Amino acid sequence: MTNTLFYKGKRLRLVPESGRIDPATRFDKLTPLQIINPQFPNLEDVDMLPEMQREWEQDWKDEGFL
């Protein structure tokens, strides 16, 4: 059994000394992550897009990216 830890942006994997990880089964338990709301699959159709854009542009200005 292995454990994966995330610490300060780094991924650490703990593996028992006696065990080995089979590369063929390494990703068997991964499932896709749904990022977009299925009720609004096309972001161009969302009425909130201009407001969201203003907000992220303001965040970028605050962070010094713009």
C-alpha atoms as a PDB file:
ATOM      1  CA  MET A   1       0.000   0.000   0.000  1.00  0.00           C
ATOM      2  CA  THR A   2       1.309   3.462  -0.861  1.00  0.00           C
ATOM      3  CA  ASN A   3       0.368   6.878   0.477  1.00  0.00           C
ATOM      4  CA  THR A   4       0.695  10.143  -1.385  1.00  0.00           C
ATOM      5  CA  LEU A   5       1.236  13.345   0.583  1.00  0.00           C
ATOM      6  CA  PHE A   6       1.235  16.917  -0.648  1.00  0.00           C
ATOM      7  CA  TYR A   7       3.511  19.311   1.235  1.00  0.00           C
ATOM      8  CA  LYS A   8       4.456  22.840   0.165  1.00  0.00           C
ATOM      9  CA  GLY A   9       3.501  22.156  -3.447  1.00  0.00           C
ATOM     10  CA  LYS A  10       5.484  18.916  -3.624  1.00  0.00           C
ATOM     11  CA  ARG A  11       4.045  15.427  -3.962  1.00  0.00           C
ATOM     12  CA  LEU A  12       5.636  12.769  -1.779  1.00  0.00           C
ATOM     13  CA  ARG A  13       4.845   9.086  -2.117  1.00  0.00           C
ATOM     14  CA  LEU A  14       5.457   6.691   0.764  1.00  0.00           C
ATOM     15  CA  VAL A  15       6.091   3.121  -0.360  1.00  0.00           C
ATOM     16  CA  PRO A  16       6.736   0.193   1.995  1.00  0.00           C
ATOM     17  CA  GLU A  17      10.220  -1.281   1.662  1.00  0.00           C
ATOM     18  CA  SER A  18       8.885  -4.738   0.887  1.00  0.00           C
ATOM     19  CA  GLY A  19       6.385  -3.603  -1.727  1.00  0.00           C
ATOM     20  CA  ARG A  20       6.856  -2.587  -5.300  1.00  0.00           C
ATOM     21  CA  ILE A  21       4.497  -0.546  -7.438  1.00  0.00           C
ATOM     22  CA  ASP A  22       3.323  -2.241 -10.587  1.00  0.00           C
ATOM     23  CA  PRO A  23       3.390   0.450 -13.328  1.00  0.00           C
ATOM     24  CA  ALA A  24       0.459  -1.235 -15.093  1.00  0.00           C
ATOM     25  CA  THR A  25      -1.836  -0.703 -12.083  1.00  0.00           C
ATOM     26  CA  ARG A  26      -0.447   2.647 -10.959  1.00  0.00           C
ATOM     27  CA  PHE A  27      -3.292   4.690 -12.488  1.00  0.00           C
ATOM     28  CA  ASP A  28      -6.144   2.185 -12.165  1.00  0.00           C
ATOM     29  CA  LYS A  29      -8.004   4.177  -9.508  1.00  0.00           C
ATOM     30  CA  LEU A  30      -7.862   7.541 -11.264  1.00  0.00           C
ATOM     31  CA  THR A  31     -11.205   9.017 -12.253  1.00  0.00           C
ATOM     32  CA  PRO A  32     -11.810  12.023 -14.500  1.00  0.00           C
ATOM     33  CA  LEU A  33     -12.443  15.344 -12.794  1.00  0.00           C
ATOM     34  CA  GLN A  34     -15.461  17.238 -14.070  1.00  0.00           C
ATOM     35  CA  ILE A  35     -14.425  20.885 -14.300  1.00  0.00           C
ATOM     36  CA  ILE A  36     -17.338  22.453 -16.134  1.00  0.00           C
ATOM     37  CA  ASN A  37     -20.906  22.493 -14.857  1.00  0.00           C
ATOM     38  CA  PRO A  38     -22.925  20.176 -17.144  1.00  0.00           C
ATOM     39  CA  GLN A  39     -25.886  22.579 -16.995  1.00  0.00           C
ATOM     40  CA  PHE A  40     -23.697  25.259 -18.613  1.00  0.00           C
ATOM     41  CA  PRO A  41     -21.184  23.374 -20.786  1.00  0.00           C
ATOM     42  CA  ASN A  42     -20.350  26.372 -22.959  1.00  0.00           C
ATOM     43  CA  LEU A  43     -18.892  29.249 -20.967  1.00  0.00           C
ATOM     44  CA  GLU A  44     -19.712  31.691 -23.763  1.00  0.00           C
ATOM     45  CA  ASP A  45     -23.422  31.201 -22.972  1.00  0.00           C
ATOM     46  CA  VAL A  46     -23.063  32.187 -19.326  1.00  0.00           C
ATOM     47  CA  ASP A  47     -24.399  35.635 -18.467  1.00  0.00           C
ATOM     48  CA  MET A  48     -21.823  35.972 -15.699  1.00  0.00           C
ATOM     49  CA  LEU A  49     -18.814  35.765 -18.036  1.00  0.00           C
ATOM     50  CA  PRO A  50     -18.193  39.553 -18.242  1.00  0.00           C
ATOM     51  CA  GLU A  51     -18.385  39.836 -14.449  1.00  0.00           C
ATOM     52  CA  MET A  52     -16.063  36.855 -13.999  1.00  0.00           C
ATOM     53  CA  GLN A  53     -13.596  38.327 -16.486  1.00  0.00           C
ATOM     54  CA  ARG A  54     -13.558  41.666 -14.643  1.00  0.00           C
ATOM     55  CA  GLU A  55     -12.925  39.844 -11.380  1.00  0.00           C
ATOM     56  CA  TRP A  56     -10.013  37.742 -12.642  1.00  0.00           C
ATOM     57  CA  GLU A  57      -8.473  40.745 -14.403  1.00  0.00           C
ATOM     58  CA  GLN A  58      -8.721  42.662 -11.114  1.00  0.00           C
ATOM     59  CA  ASP A  59      -7.064  39.735  -9.328  1.00  0.00           C
ATOM     60  CA  TRP A  60      -4.266  39.737 -11.917  1.00  0.00           C
ATOM     61  CA  LYS A  61      -3.774  43.508 -11.437  1.00  0.00           C
ATOM     62  CA  ASP A  62      -3.647  43.029  -7.665  1.00  0.00           C
ATOM     63  CA  GLU A  63      -1.008  40.322  -8.106  1.00  0.00           C
ATOM     64  CA  GLY A  64       1.016  42.501 -10.525  1.00  0.00           C
ATOM     65  CA  PHE A  65       0.478  40.330 -13.608  1.00  0.00           C
ATOM     66  CA  LEU A  66      -1.179  43.133 -15.624  1.00  0.00           C
END
